[in-house]
């Protein structure tokens, strides 16, 4: 049984591995990494993206589940390919399970031949709509399509609806069903006090959960209770 580390985005992840620092190129306005209070973390995720080569010497152990790039999307288009290759090469040295989650999963698809053998690949789909708070990431339809393609190639896939934003039930549920993820995570914003978001009403969220459970496993994060209680 793997030990869980507090403070990660998911309670089913053991630890996070972030060899790339700087501000994420997608610049989502709700990004939790831009609200770090610890000076060392704030410094690491400020400024232009950069590779921390000392992290590529880190012993990642064995039989753990790592979230790779939890604080910056390492598959964003502005991240140099050689940085990604070095990161994936290091992960392959250790017999672990890895989560690669990106709002640019099309790039994961392009680099799939270089992925470690035991991975979960995922993306974020906050809504079926387009809001300025979503930053400069690729559109949600493109994200969902890439996840579908990765699933065809046999990868275990997931979709995270976090932070959930107001949506159209038929369109969002239909998009996720078409992507065929093995499971879906649903959660709310953790920075709502600083970045108000267009959040859906409780009834609509519950309807979405009911609809998605017809086709996949749904994992509910504890922070969603704020919107559904």
C-alpha atoms as a PDB file:
ATOM      1  CA  UNK A   1       0.000   0.000   0.000  1.00  0.00           C
ATOM      2  CA  UNK A   2       1.486   3.346  -1.036  1.00  0.00           C
ATOM      3  CA  UNK A   3       1.777   6.161   1.439  1.00  0.00           C
ATOM      4  CA  UNK A   4      -0.119   9.297   0.466  1.00  0.00           C
ATOM      5  CA  UNK A   5       1.503  12.703   0.759  1.00  0.00           C
ATOM      6  CA  UNK A   6      -0.655  15.560   1.972  1.00  0.00           C
ATOM      7  CA  UNK A   7      -0.956  18.623  -0.200  1.00  0.00           C
ATOM      8  CA  UNK A   8      -1.146  16.892  -3.570  1.00  0.00           C
ATOM      9  CA  UNK A   9      -3.978  17.537  -5.992  1.00  0.00           C
ATOM     10  CA  UNK A  10      -5.260  13.951  -5.685  1.00  0.00           C
ATOM     11  CA  UNK A  11      -5.467  11.706  -2.632  1.00  0.00           C
ATOM     12  CA  UNK A  12      -4.600   8.679  -4.762  1.00  0.00           C
ATOM     13  CA  UNK A  13      -1.201  10.108  -5.730  1.00  0.00           C
ATOM     14  CA  UNK A  14       1.859   9.349  -3.590  1.00  0.00           C
ATOM     15  CA  UNK A  15       4.114  12.276  -4.512  1.00  0.00           C
ATOM     16  CA  UNK A  16       4.792  14.945  -7.124  1.00  0.00           C
ATOM     17  CA  UNK A  17       7.853  15.406  -9.329  1.00  0.00           C
ATOM     18  CA  UNK A  18       8.485  18.856 -10.821  1.00  0.00           C
ATOM     19  CA  UNK A  19      11.825  19.171 -12.646  1.00  0.00           C
ATOM     20  CA  UNK A  20      10.509  22.129 -14.658  1.00  0.00           C
ATOM     21  CA  UNK A  21       9.787  25.440 -12.942  1.00  0.00           C
ATOM     22  CA  UNK A  22       8.598  28.901 -13.867  1.00  0.00           C
ATOM     23  CA  UNK A  23       5.135  30.246 -14.611  1.00  0.00           C
ATOM     24  CA  UNK A  24       3.022  27.782 -16.554  1.00  0.00           C
ATOM     25  CA  UNK A  25       2.624  29.024 -20.155  1.00  0.00           C
ATOM     26  CA  UNK A  26      -1.119  28.395 -20.053  1.00  0.00           C
ATOM     27  CA  UNK A  27      -1.553  31.095 -17.388  1.00  0.00           C
ATOM     28  CA  UNK A  28      -4.908  29.872 -16.083  1.00  0.00           C
ATOM     29  CA  UNK A  29      -6.118  32.591 -13.741  1.00  0.00           C
ATOM     30  CA  UNK A  30      -7.174  30.148 -11.044  1.00  0.00           C
ATOM     31  CA  UNK A  31      -3.799  28.328 -10.920  1.00  0.00           C
ATOM     32  CA  UNK A  32      -2.982  27.301  -7.355  1.00  0.00           C
ATOM     33  CA  UNK A  33       0.754  27.404  -8.074  1.00  0.00           C
ATOM     34  CA  UNK A  34       0.604  31.183  -8.436  1.00  0.00           C
ATOM     35  CA  UNK A  35      -0.667  31.472  -4.869  1.00  0.00           C
ATOM     36  CA  UNK A  36       2.175  29.681  -3.107  1.00  0.00           C
ATOM     37  CA  UNK A  37       3.189  31.469   0.078  1.00  0.00           C
ATOM     38  CA  UNK A  38       6.432  29.623   0.814  1.00  0.00           C
ATOM     39  CA  UNK A  39       9.290  31.717  -0.650  1.00  0.00           C
ATOM     40  CA  UNK A  40      11.094  28.713  -2.170  1.00  0.00           C
ATOM     41  CA  UNK A  41       7.996  27.510  -4.006  1.00  0.00           C
ATOM     42  CA  UNK A  42       7.006  31.006  -5.054  1.00  0.00           C
ATOM     43  CA  UNK A  43      10.476  31.541  -6.511  1.00  0.00           C
ATOM     44  CA  UNK A  44      10.522  28.187  -8.312  1.00  0.00           C
ATOM     45  CA  UNK A  45       7.229  28.870 -10.092  1.00  0.00           C
ATOM     46  CA  UNK A  46       7.896  32.493 -11.009  1.00  0.00           C
ATOM     47  CA  UNK A  47       9.500  33.868 -14.156  1.00  0.00           C
ATOM     48  CA  UNK A  48      10.222  32.066 -17.416  1.00  0.00           C
ATOM     49  CA  UNK A  49      10.025  28.250 -17.578  1.00  0.00           C
ATOM     50  CA  UNK A  50      13.334  26.553 -16.786  1.00  0.00           C
ATOM     51  CA  UNK A  51      14.713  23.090 -16.192  1.00  0.00           C
ATOM     52  CA  UNK A  52      16.043  22.190 -12.736  1.00  0.00           C
ATOM     53  CA  UNK A  53      18.704  19.663 -13.694  1.00  0.00           C
ATOM     54  CA  UNK A  54      19.368  18.718 -10.068  1.00  0.00           C
ATOM     55  CA  UNK A  55      15.845  17.290  -9.962  1.00  0.00           C
ATOM     56  CA  UNK A  56      16.861  14.887 -12.736  1.00  0.00           C
ATOM     57  CA  UNK A  57      19.270  13.293 -10.266  1.00  0.00           C
ATOM     58  CA  UNK A  58      16.529  12.643  -7.743  1.00  0.00           C
ATOM     59  CA  UNK A  59      15.892   9.068  -6.641  1.00  0.00           C
ATOM     60  CA  UNK A  60      12.219   8.410  -7.365  1.00  0.00           C
ATOM     61  CA  UNK A  61      12.251   5.087  -5.567  1.00  0.00           C
ATOM     62  CA  UNK A  62      10.079   2.107  -6.427  1.00  0.00           C
ATOM     63  CA  UNK A  63       6.385   1.176  -6.417  1.00  0.00           C
ATOM     64  CA  UNK A  64       5.219   4.773  -6.004  1.00  0.00           C
ATOM     65  CA  UNK A  65       2.654   6.804  -7.928  1.00  0.00           C
ATOM     66  CA  UNK A  66       4.059  10.162  -9.051  1.00  0.00           C
ATOM     67  CA  UNK A  67       2.244  13.173 -10.479  1.00  0.00           C
ATOM     68  CA  UNK A  68       4.807  14.543 -12.939  1.00  0.00           C
ATOM     69  CA  UNK A  69       4.434  18.270 -13.551  1.00  0.00           C
ATOM     70  CA  UNK A  70       1.830  19.015 -10.897  1.00  0.00           C
ATOM     71  CA  UNK A  71       2.746  22.709 -10.657  1.00  0.00           C
ATOM     72  CA  UNK A  72       3.439  23.555 -14.309  1.00  0.00           C
ATOM     73  CA  UNK A  73       2.144  21.894 -17.467  1.00  0.00           C
ATOM     74  CA  UNK A  74       5.314  20.286 -18.808  1.00  0.00           C
ATOM     75  CA  UNK A  75       3.583  19.474 -22.113  1.00  0.00           C
ATOM     76  CA  UNK A  76       2.661  23.088 -22.901  1.00  0.00           C
ATOM     77  CA  UNK A  77       3.793  24.118 -26.383  1.00  0.00           C
ATOM     78  CA  UNK A  78       6.376  26.601 -25.042  1.00  0.00           C
ATOM     79  CA  UNK A  79       8.217  23.937 -23.038  1.00  0.00           C
ATOM     80  CA  UNK A  80      11.298  22.761 -25.001  1.00  0.00           C
ATOM     81  CA  UNK A  81      11.026  19.171 -26.215  1.00  0.00           C
ATOM     82  CA  UNK A  82      14.449  18.229 -24.844  1.00  0.00           C
ATOM     83  CA  UNK A  83      13.292  19.141 -21.322  1.00  0.00           C
ATOM     84  CA  UNK A  84      10.335  16.802 -21.686  1.00  0.00           C
ATOM     85  CA  UNK A  85      12.540  14.030 -23.068  1.00  0.00           C
ATOM     86  CA  UNK A  86      14.953  14.400 -20.144  1.00  0.00           C
ATOM     87  CA  UNK A  87      12.068  14.233 -17.685  1.00  0.00           C
ATOM     88  CA  UNK A  88      10.568  11.120 -19.270  1.00  0.00           C
ATOM     89  CA  UNK A  89      14.000   9.499 -19.526  1.00  0.00           C
ATOM     90  CA  UNK A  90      14.539  10.006 -15.791  1.00  0.00           C
ATOM     91  CA  UNK A  91      11.117   8.570 -14.930  1.00  0.00           C
ATOM     92  CA  UNK A  92      11.916   5.441 -16.937  1.00  0.00           C
ATOM     93  CA  UNK A  93      14.854   4.683 -14.636  1.00  0.00           C
ATOM     94  CA  UNK A  94      12.482   3.805 -11.803  1.00  0.00           C
ATOM     95  CA  UNK A  95       9.840   1.110 -11.498  1.00  0.00           C
ATOM     96  CA  UNK A  96       6.933   3.412 -10.645  1.00  0.00           C
ATOM     97  CA  UNK A  97       3.520   4.472 -11.866  1.00  0.00           C
ATOM     98  CA  UNK A  98       3.199   8.006 -13.252  1.00  0.00           C
ATOM     99  CA  UNK A  99       0.415  10.486 -13.897  1.00  0.00           C
ATOM    100  CA  UNK A 100       0.948  12.859 -16.809  1.00  0.00           C
ATOM    101  CA  UNK A 101      -1.862  15.403 -16.874  1.00  0.00           C
ATOM    102  CA  UNK A 102      -1.870  18.255 -19.368  1.00  0.00           C
ATOM    103  CA  UNK A 103      -4.181  20.814 -20.921  1.00  0.00           C
ATOM    104  CA  UNK A 104      -2.240  20.078 -24.071  1.00  0.00           C
ATOM    105  CA  UNK A 105      -2.656  16.274 -24.195  1.00  0.00           C
ATOM    106  CA  UNK A 106      -2.111  16.347 -27.937  1.00  0.00           C
ATOM    107  CA  UNK A 107       1.585  16.751 -27.155  1.00  0.00           C
ATOM    108  CA  UNK A 108       1.473  13.702 -24.883  1.00  0.00           C
ATOM    109  CA  UNK A 109       0.014  11.838 -27.846  1.00  0.00           C
ATOM    110  CA  UNK A 110       2.868  13.036 -30.063  1.00  0.00           C
ATOM    111  CA  UNK A 111       5.455  11.892 -27.485  1.00  0.00           C
ATOM    112  CA  UNK A 112       3.693   8.680 -26.457  1.00  0.00           C
ATOM    113  CA  UNK A 113       6.586   6.499 -27.686  1.00  0.00           C
ATOM    114  CA  UNK A 114       8.805   8.044 -24.991  1.00  0.00           C
ATOM    115  CA  UNK A 115       6.443   7.556 -22.033  1.00  0.00           C
ATOM    116  CA  UNK A 116       7.321   5.160 -19.197  1.00  0.00           C
ATOM    117  CA  UNK A 117       5.511   1.806 -19.369  1.00  0.00           C
ATOM    118  CA  UNK A 118       3.117   2.316 -16.434  1.00  0.00           C
ATOM    119  CA  UNK A 119       1.286   5.619 -16.835  1.00  0.00           C
ATOM    120  CA  UNK A 120      -2.058   7.326 -16.504  1.00  0.00           C
ATOM    121  CA  UNK A 121      -2.564  10.176 -18.951  1.00  0.00           C
ATOM    122  CA  UNK A 122      -5.151  12.843 -18.349  1.00  0.00           C
ATOM    123  CA  UNK A 123      -6.397  16.313 -19.049  1.00  0.00           C
ATOM    124  CA  UNK A 124      -8.521  19.013 -17.453  1.00  0.00           C
ATOM    125  CA  UNK A 125     -11.945  19.890 -18.825  1.00  0.00           C
ATOM    126  CA  UNK A 126     -13.381  22.587 -16.575  1.00  0.00           C
ATOM    127  CA  UNK A 127     -16.520  23.067 -18.671  1.00  0.00           C
ATOM    128  CA  UNK A 128     -17.702  22.767 -22.265  1.00  0.00           C
ATOM    129  CA  UNK A 129     -17.770  26.570 -22.495  1.00  0.00           C
ATOM    130  CA  UNK A 130     -14.973  29.094 -22.916  1.00  0.00           C
ATOM    131  CA  UNK A 131     -14.198  31.513 -20.080  1.00  0.00           C
ATOM    132  CA  UNK A 132     -11.300  34.003 -19.843  1.00  0.00           C
ATOM    133  CA  UNK A 133     -10.304  32.438 -16.514  1.00  0.00           C
ATOM    134  CA  UNK A 134      -9.221  29.330 -18.469  1.00  0.00           C
ATOM    135  CA  UNK A 135      -6.122  31.106 -19.793  1.00  0.00           C
ATOM    136  CA  UNK A 136      -4.246  30.270 -22.983  1.00  0.00           C
ATOM    137  CA  UNK A 137      -4.617  26.485 -22.982  1.00  0.00           C
ATOM    138  CA  UNK A 138      -5.939  24.553 -26.000  1.00  0.00           C
ATOM    139  CA  UNK A 139      -9.742  24.298 -26.243  1.00  0.00           C
ATOM    140  CA  UNK A 140     -11.548  21.627 -24.247  1.00  0.00           C
ATOM    141  CA  UNK A 141     -12.751  19.813 -27.383  1.00  0.00           C
ATOM    142  CA  UNK A 142      -9.152  19.370 -28.528  1.00  0.00           C
ATOM    143  CA  UNK A 143      -8.196  18.098 -25.083  1.00  0.00           C
ATOM    144  CA  UNK A 144     -11.017  15.552 -25.008  1.00  0.00           C
ATOM    145  CA  UNK A 145     -10.196  14.361 -28.524  1.00  0.00           C
ATOM    146  CA  UNK A 146      -6.547  13.748 -27.606  1.00  0.00           C
ATOM    147  CA  UNK A 147      -7.612  11.720 -24.565  1.00  0.00           C
ATOM    148  CA  UNK A 148      -9.826   9.601 -26.802  1.00  0.00           C
ATOM    149  CA  UNK A 149      -6.885   9.003 -29.148  1.00  0.00           C
ATOM    150  CA  UNK A 150      -4.599   8.015 -26.273  1.00  0.00           C
ATOM    151  CA  UNK A 151      -7.240   5.590 -25.064  1.00  0.00           C
ATOM    152  CA  UNK A 152      -7.320   3.952 -28.492  1.00  0.00           C
ATOM    153  CA  UNK A 153      -3.602   3.277 -28.086  1.00  0.00           C
ATOM    154  CA  UNK A 154      -4.296   1.456 -24.837  1.00  0.00           C
ATOM    155  CA  UNK A 155      -3.328   4.095 -22.312  1.00  0.00           C
ATOM    156  CA  UNK A 156      -5.264   4.431 -19.076  1.00  0.00           C
ATOM    157  CA  UNK A 157      -6.885   7.860 -19.334  1.00  0.00           C
ATOM    158  CA  UNK A 158      -8.672  10.249 -17.031  1.00  0.00           C
ATOM    159  CA  UNK A 159     -10.380  13.626 -17.172  1.00  0.00           C
ATOM    160  CA  UNK A 160     -10.417  16.144 -14.337  1.00  0.00           C
ATOM    161  CA  UNK A 161     -13.278  18.606 -14.056  1.00  0.00           C
ATOM    162  CA  UNK A 162     -11.574  21.008 -11.680  1.00  0.00           C
ATOM    163  CA  UNK A 163     -12.209  23.739 -11.000  1.00  0.00           C
ATOM    164  CA  UNK A 164     -15.683  22.981 -12.269  1.00  0.00           C
ATOM    165  CA  UNK A 165     -17.267  25.950 -14.054  1.00  0.00           C
ATOM    166  CA  UNK A 166     -20.813  26.454 -15.221  1.00  0.00           C
ATOM    167  CA  UNK A 167     -21.602  24.228 -18.172  1.00  0.00           C
ATOM    168  CA  UNK A 168     -24.240  22.835 -20.506  1.00  0.00           C
ATOM    169  CA  UNK A 169     -25.100  19.378 -19.196  1.00  0.00           C
ATOM    170  CA  UNK A 170     -25.700  17.605 -22.509  1.00  0.00           C
ATOM    171  CA  UNK A 171     -22.625  19.087 -24.188  1.00  0.00           C
ATOM    172  CA  UNK A 172     -20.203  18.498 -21.312  1.00  0.00           C
ATOM    173  CA  UNK A 173     -21.438  15.006 -20.523  1.00  0.00           C
ATOM    174  CA  UNK A 174     -21.456  14.133 -24.210  1.00  0.00           C
ATOM    175  CA  UNK A 175     -17.882  15.362 -24.699  1.00  0.00           C
ATOM    176  CA  UNK A 176     -16.585  13.350 -21.769  1.00  0.00           C
ATOM    177  CA  UNK A 177     -18.484  10.220 -22.741  1.00  0.00           C
ATOM    178  CA  UNK A 178     -17.032  10.456 -26.261  1.00  0.00           C
ATOM    179  CA  UNK A 179     -13.509  10.714 -24.815  1.00  0.00           C
ATOM    180  CA  UNK A 180     -14.049   7.433 -22.924  1.00  0.00           C
ATOM    181  CA  UNK A 181     -11.818   8.105 -19.891  1.00  0.00           C
ATOM    182  CA  UNK A 182     -11.377   5.284 -17.422  1.00  0.00           C
ATOM    183  CA  UNK A 183     -12.332   7.662 -14.642  1.00  0.00           C
ATOM    184  CA  UNK A 184     -13.277  11.279 -14.006  1.00  0.00           C
ATOM    185  CA  UNK A 185     -12.278  13.539 -11.095  1.00  0.00           C
ATOM    186  CA  UNK A 186     -14.590  16.379 -10.112  1.00  0.00           C
ATOM    187  CA  UNK A 187     -13.639  19.215  -7.772  1.00  0.00           C
ATOM    188  CA  UNK A 188     -14.122  22.921  -7.148  1.00  0.00           C
ATOM    189  CA  UNK A 189     -11.697  25.824  -7.074  1.00  0.00           C
ATOM    190  CA  UNK A 190      -9.327  26.050  -4.126  1.00  0.00           C
ATOM    191  CA  UNK A 191      -8.590  29.730  -4.787  1.00  0.00           C
ATOM    192  CA  UNK A 192     -12.179  30.956  -5.059  1.00  0.00           C
ATOM    193  CA  UNK A 193     -11.634  33.830  -2.637  1.00  0.00           C
ATOM    194  CA  UNK A 194      -8.973  35.327  -4.916  1.00  0.00           C
ATOM    195  CA  UNK A 195     -10.340  34.344  -8.321  1.00  0.00           C
ATOM    196  CA  UNK A 196     -14.156  34.254  -8.506  1.00  0.00           C
ATOM    197  CA  UNK A 197     -15.290  31.730 -11.108  1.00  0.00           C
ATOM    198  CA  UNK A 198     -18.613  31.129 -12.907  1.00  0.00           C
ATOM    199  CA  UNK A 199     -19.597  28.104 -10.854  1.00  0.00           C
ATOM    200  CA  UNK A 200     -22.598  25.844 -11.545  1.00  0.00           C
ATOM    201  CA  UNK A 201     -25.492  25.321  -9.117  1.00  0.00           C
ATOM    202  CA  UNK A 202     -25.641  22.231  -6.929  1.00  0.00           C
ATOM    203  CA  UNK A 203     -28.426  20.548  -8.865  1.00  0.00           C
ATOM    204  CA  UNK A 204     -26.593  20.765 -12.170  1.00  0.00           C
ATOM    205  CA  UNK A 205     -23.425  19.261 -10.657  1.00  0.00           C
ATOM    206  CA  UNK A 206     -25.376  16.348  -9.209  1.00  0.00           C
ATOM    207  CA  UNK A 207     -27.060  15.773 -12.555  1.00  0.00           C
ATOM    208  CA  UNK A 208     -23.662  15.687 -14.260  1.00  0.00           C
ATOM    209  CA  UNK A 209     -22.329  13.176 -11.735  1.00  0.00           C
ATOM    210  CA  UNK A 210     -25.347  10.925 -12.261  1.00  0.00           C
ATOM    211  CA  UNK A 211     -24.920  11.080 -16.034  1.00  0.00           C
ATOM    212  CA  UNK A 212     -21.183  10.359 -15.977  1.00  0.00           C
ATOM    213  CA  UNK A 213     -21.588   7.396 -13.637  1.00  0.00           C
ATOM    214  CA  UNK A 214     -23.495   5.676 -16.425  1.00  0.00           C
ATOM    215  CA  UNK A 215     -20.303   5.341 -18.447  1.00  0.00           C
ATOM    216  CA  UNK A 216     -17.255   5.671 -16.170  1.00  0.00           C
ATOM    217  CA  UNK A 217     -15.959   5.805 -12.600  1.00  0.00           C
ATOM    218  CA  UNK A 218     -16.424   9.196 -10.940  1.00  0.00           C
ATOM    219  CA  UNK A 219     -14.093  10.332  -8.162  1.00  0.00           C
ATOM    220  CA  UNK A 220     -15.459  13.218  -6.072  1.00  0.00           C
ATOM    221  CA  UNK A 221     -12.967  15.512  -4.368  1.00  0.00           C
ATOM    222  CA  UNK A 222     -13.773  16.722  -0.875  1.00  0.00           C
ATOM    223  CA  UNK A 223     -13.658  20.373  -1.981  1.00  0.00           C
ATOM    224  CA  UNK A 224     -16.749  19.817  -4.153  1.00  0.00           C
ATOM    225  CA  UNK A 225     -18.887  19.737  -1.000  1.00  0.00           C
ATOM    226  CA  UNK A 226     -18.706  23.519  -0.944  1.00  0.00           C
ATOM    227  CA  UNK A 227     -20.876  23.580  -4.064  1.00  0.00           C
ATOM    228  CA  UNK A 228     -23.104  20.542  -3.502  1.00  0.00           C
ATOM    229  CA  UNK A 229     -23.996  20.759   0.210  1.00  0.00           C
END
